[in-house]
C-alpha atoms as a PDB file:
ATOM      1  CA  MET A   1       0.123  -0.039  -0.024  1.00  0.00           C
ATOM      2  CA  ARG A   2       1.217   3.085  -1.293  1.00  0.00           C
ATOM      3  CA  GLN A   3       2.029   6.080   1.640  1.00  0.00           C
ATOM      4  CA  SER A   4      -0.577   8.593   0.686  1.00  0.00           C
ATOM      5  CA  GLU A   5      -3.250   5.897   0.657  1.00  0.00           C
ATOM      6  CA  LYS A   6      -2.406   4.724   3.787  1.00  0.00           C
ATOM      7  CA  LEU A   7      -2.951   8.637   4.936  1.00  0.00           C
ATOM      8  CA  TRP A   8      -5.870   9.103   2.869  1.00  0.00           C
ATOM      9  CA  LYS A   9      -7.543   5.893   4.878  1.00  0.00           C
ATOM     10  CA  ALA A  10      -6.106   7.479   8.196  1.00  0.00           C
ATOM     11  CA  ASN A  11      -7.925  10.605   7.872  1.00  0.00           C
ATOM     12  CA  HIS A  12     -10.897   9.461   6.121  1.00  0.00           C
ATOM     13  CA  ASN A  13     -11.596   6.403   9.099  1.00  0.00           C
ATOM     14  CA  LYS A  14     -10.081   8.917  11.838  1.00  0.00           C
ATOM     15  CA  ASP A  15      -7.773   5.470  13.020  1.00  0.00           C
ATOM     16  CA  ILE A  16      -4.272   5.819  13.970  1.00  0.00           C
ATOM     17  CA  PHE A  17      -2.101   4.591  10.840  1.00  0.00           C
ATOM     18  CA  GLY A  18      -5.221   3.053   9.459  1.00  0.00           C
ATOM     19  CA  VAL A  19      -5.921   0.242  12.413  1.00  0.00           C
ATOM     20  CA  ASN A  20      -8.718  -0.405  13.949  1.00  0.00           C
ATOM     21  CA  PHE A  21      -8.231  -0.644  17.640  1.00  0.00           C
ATOM     22  CA  HIS A  22      -9.986  -3.840  17.933  1.00  0.00           C
ATOM     23  CA  ARG A  23      -8.336  -5.355  15.716  1.00  0.00           C
ATOM     24  CA  PHE A  24      -4.850  -4.609  16.750  1.00  0.00           C
ATOM     25  CA  ILE A  25      -6.130  -5.761  20.326  1.00  0.00           C
ATOM     26  CA  GLU A  26      -7.170  -9.111  19.322  1.00  0.00           C
ATOM     27  CA  LEU A  27      -3.503  -9.636  17.542  1.00  0.00           C
ATOM     28  CA  GLU A  28      -1.624  -8.415  20.180  1.00  0.00           C
ATOM     29  CA  GLU A  29      -2.926 -11.199  22.194  1.00  0.00           C
ATOM     30  CA  ASN A  30      -1.288 -13.969  20.516  1.00  0.00           C
ATOM     31  CA  ALA A  31       1.067 -12.374  17.343  1.00  0.00           C
ATOM     32  CA  SER A  32       4.445 -10.855  17.743  1.00  0.00           C
ATOM     33  CA  HIS A  33       5.329  -6.798  16.832  1.00  0.00           C
ATOM     34  CA  MET A  34       6.427  -8.867  12.874  1.00  0.00           C
ATOM     35  CA  GLU A  35       2.999 -10.848  12.346  1.00  0.00           C
ATOM     36  CA  ILE A  36       0.941  -7.659  13.748  1.00  0.00           C
ATOM     37  CA  ALA A  37       2.888  -5.352  11.209  1.00  0.00           C
ATOM     38  CA  HIS A  38       2.560  -7.930   8.438  1.00  0.00           C
ATOM     39  CA  GLU A  39      -1.201  -8.515   8.826  1.00  0.00           C
ATOM     40  CA  LEU A  40      -2.319  -4.639   9.254  1.00  0.00           C
ATOM     41  CA  GLY A  41      -0.122  -3.048   6.896  1.00  0.00           C
ATOM     42  CA  ILE A  42       1.873  -1.315   8.996  1.00  0.00           C
ATOM     43  CA  SER A  43       6.099  -0.832  10.016  1.00  0.00           C
ATOM     44  CA  LEU A  44       7.381  -2.347  13.204  1.00  0.00           C
ATOM     45  CA  GLY A  45       7.995   1.324  14.552  1.00  0.00           C
ATOM     46  CA  GLU A  46       4.240   1.924  14.125  1.00  0.00           C
ATOM     47  CA  VAL A  47       3.214  -1.377  15.840  1.00  0.00           C
ATOM     48  CA  ARG A  48       5.482   0.199  18.859  1.00  0.00           C
ATOM     49  CA  MET A  49       3.585   3.474  18.792  1.00  0.00           C
ATOM     50  CA  LEU A  50       0.593   1.946  18.723  1.00  0.00           C
ATOM     51  CA  LYS A  51       1.500  -0.679  21.740  1.00  0.00           C
ATOM     52  CA  SER A  52       2.997   2.834  23.714  1.00  0.00           C
ATOM     53  CA  GLN A  53      -0.115   5.013  22.672  1.00  0.00           C
ATOM     54  CA  MET A  54      -2.622   2.448  23.743  1.00  0.00           C
ATOM     55  CA  ASN A  55      -0.269   2.196  27.531  1.00  0.00           C
ATOM     56  CA  ARG A  56      -0.712   5.741  27.950  1.00  0.00           C
ATOM     57  CA  THR A  57      -4.620   5.473  28.049  1.00  0.00           C
END
């Protein structure tokens, strides 16, 4: 997926990185960082940022 498409989806869906948090939480329980990144189409750095943001709330 191109970067511009990711940005459009993130702005359109109001999700961070275009990721559904419910799906992220489901994957987080059973999958590694690499598997989550591959499944959601985001980078490892974005997975780490999402995890840190979820820990803040």
